[in-house]
Amino acid sequence: MLIEVAALVGHGVPWDVAMAMPRVRRMAFLVAFGELAGGRYDWSMQQWEYPDG
């Protein structure tokens, strides 16, 4: 939980807001931030996709 909150704070989410979020919402925001940064998340497998190589 602490790593998730720290990552959200690093993206500008206030600490108290990140701490109050249910885990599902924290994870959704983390995926959204990751995809905005160019990552790709496979929702059916619930994991990040990595390019081969």
C-alpha atoms as a PDB file:
ATOM      1  CA  MET A   1       0.000   0.000   0.000  1.00  0.00           C
ATOM      2  CA  LEU A   2       2.744   2.462   0.883  1.00  0.00           C
ATOM      3  CA  ILE A   3       4.447   2.071  -2.494  1.00  0.00           C
ATOM      4  CA  GLU A   4       1.143   2.667  -4.279  1.00  0.00           C
ATOM      5  CA  VAL A   5       0.481   5.797  -2.226  1.00  0.00           C
ATOM      6  CA  ALA A   6       4.029   7.057  -2.758  1.00  0.00           C
ATOM      7  CA  ALA A   7       3.673   6.575  -6.520  1.00  0.00           C
ATOM      8  CA  LEU A   8       0.417   8.525  -6.547  1.00  0.00           C
ATOM      9  CA  VAL A   9       1.972  11.316  -4.480  1.00  0.00           C
ATOM     10  CA  GLY A  10       4.811  11.381  -7.001  1.00  0.00           C
ATOM     11  CA  HIS A  11       2.193  12.074  -9.673  1.00  0.00           C
ATOM     12  CA  GLY A  12       0.728  14.976  -7.712  1.00  0.00           C
ATOM     13  CA  VAL A  13      -2.057  13.279  -5.763  1.00  0.00           C
ATOM     14  CA  PRO A  14      -2.196  14.694  -2.220  1.00  0.00           C
ATOM     15  CA  TRP A  15      -1.034  12.222   0.456  1.00  0.00           C
ATOM     16  CA  ASP A  16      -4.318  12.264   2.388  1.00  0.00           C
ATOM     17  CA  VAL A  17      -6.346  11.681  -0.793  1.00  0.00           C
ATOM     18  CA  ALA A  18      -4.138   8.770  -1.874  1.00  0.00           C
ATOM     19  CA  MET A  19      -4.296   7.227   1.616  1.00  0.00           C
ATOM     20  CA  ALA A  20      -8.098   7.460   1.680  1.00  0.00           C
ATOM     21  CA  MET A  21      -8.567   5.756  -1.709  1.00  0.00           C
ATOM     22  CA  PRO A  22      -9.697   2.144  -1.826  1.00  0.00           C
ATOM     23  CA  ARG A  23      -6.986  -0.114  -3.263  1.00  0.00           C
ATOM     24  CA  VAL A  24      -8.950  -0.707  -6.474  1.00  0.00           C
ATOM     25  CA  ARG A  25      -9.059   3.020  -7.179  1.00  0.00           C
ATOM     26  CA  ARG A  26      -5.353   3.461  -6.352  1.00  0.00           C
ATOM     27  CA  MET A  27      -4.485   0.701  -8.798  1.00  0.00           C
ATOM     28  CA  ALA A  28      -6.722   2.210 -11.492  1.00  0.00           C
ATOM     29  CA  PHE A  29      -4.953   5.557 -11.145  1.00  0.00           C
ATOM     30  CA  LEU A  30      -1.537   3.877 -11.234  1.00  0.00           C
ATOM     31  CA  VAL A  31      -2.466   2.078 -14.442  1.00  0.00           C
ATOM     32  CA  ALA A  32      -3.808   5.306 -15.933  1.00  0.00           C
ATOM     33  CA  PHE A  33      -0.592   7.166 -15.067  1.00  0.00           C
ATOM     34  CA  GLY A  34       1.477   4.293 -16.479  1.00  0.00           C
ATOM     35  CA  GLU A  35      -0.457   4.260 -19.731  1.00  0.00           C
ATOM     36  CA  LEU A  36      -0.161   8.039 -20.051  1.00  0.00           C
ATOM     37  CA  ALA A  37       3.605   7.529 -19.748  1.00  0.00           C
ATOM     38  CA  GLY A  38       3.532   5.081 -22.668  1.00  0.00           C
ATOM     39  CA  GLY A  39       3.040   1.755 -20.914  1.00  0.00           C
ATOM     40  CA  ARG A  40       0.424  -0.806 -21.830  1.00  0.00           C
ATOM     41  CA  TYR A  41      -1.601  -2.720 -19.261  1.00  0.00           C
ATOM     42  CA  ASP A  42      -3.418  -5.940 -20.107  1.00  0.00           C
ATOM     43  CA  TRP A  43      -6.611  -5.767 -18.063  1.00  0.00           C
ATOM     44  CA  SER A  44      -7.588  -9.378 -18.769  1.00  0.00           C
ATOM     45  CA  MET A  45      -4.224 -10.688 -17.484  1.00  0.00           C
ATOM     46  CA  GLN A  46      -3.938  -7.912 -14.885  1.00  0.00           C
ATOM     47  CA  GLN A  47      -0.301  -7.255 -15.682  1.00  0.00           C
ATOM     48  CA  TRP A  48       1.899  -4.886 -17.636  1.00  0.00           C
ATOM     49  CA  GLU A  49       2.811  -5.885 -21.170  1.00  0.00           C
ATOM     50  CA  TYR A  50       6.514  -5.801 -21.988  1.00  0.00           C
ATOM     51  CA  PRO A  51       7.972  -5.668 -25.474  1.00  0.00           C
ATOM     52  CA  ASP A  52       9.877  -8.771 -26.510  1.00  0.00           C
ATOM     53  CA  GLY A  53      13.574  -8.551 -26.195  1.00  0.00           C
END
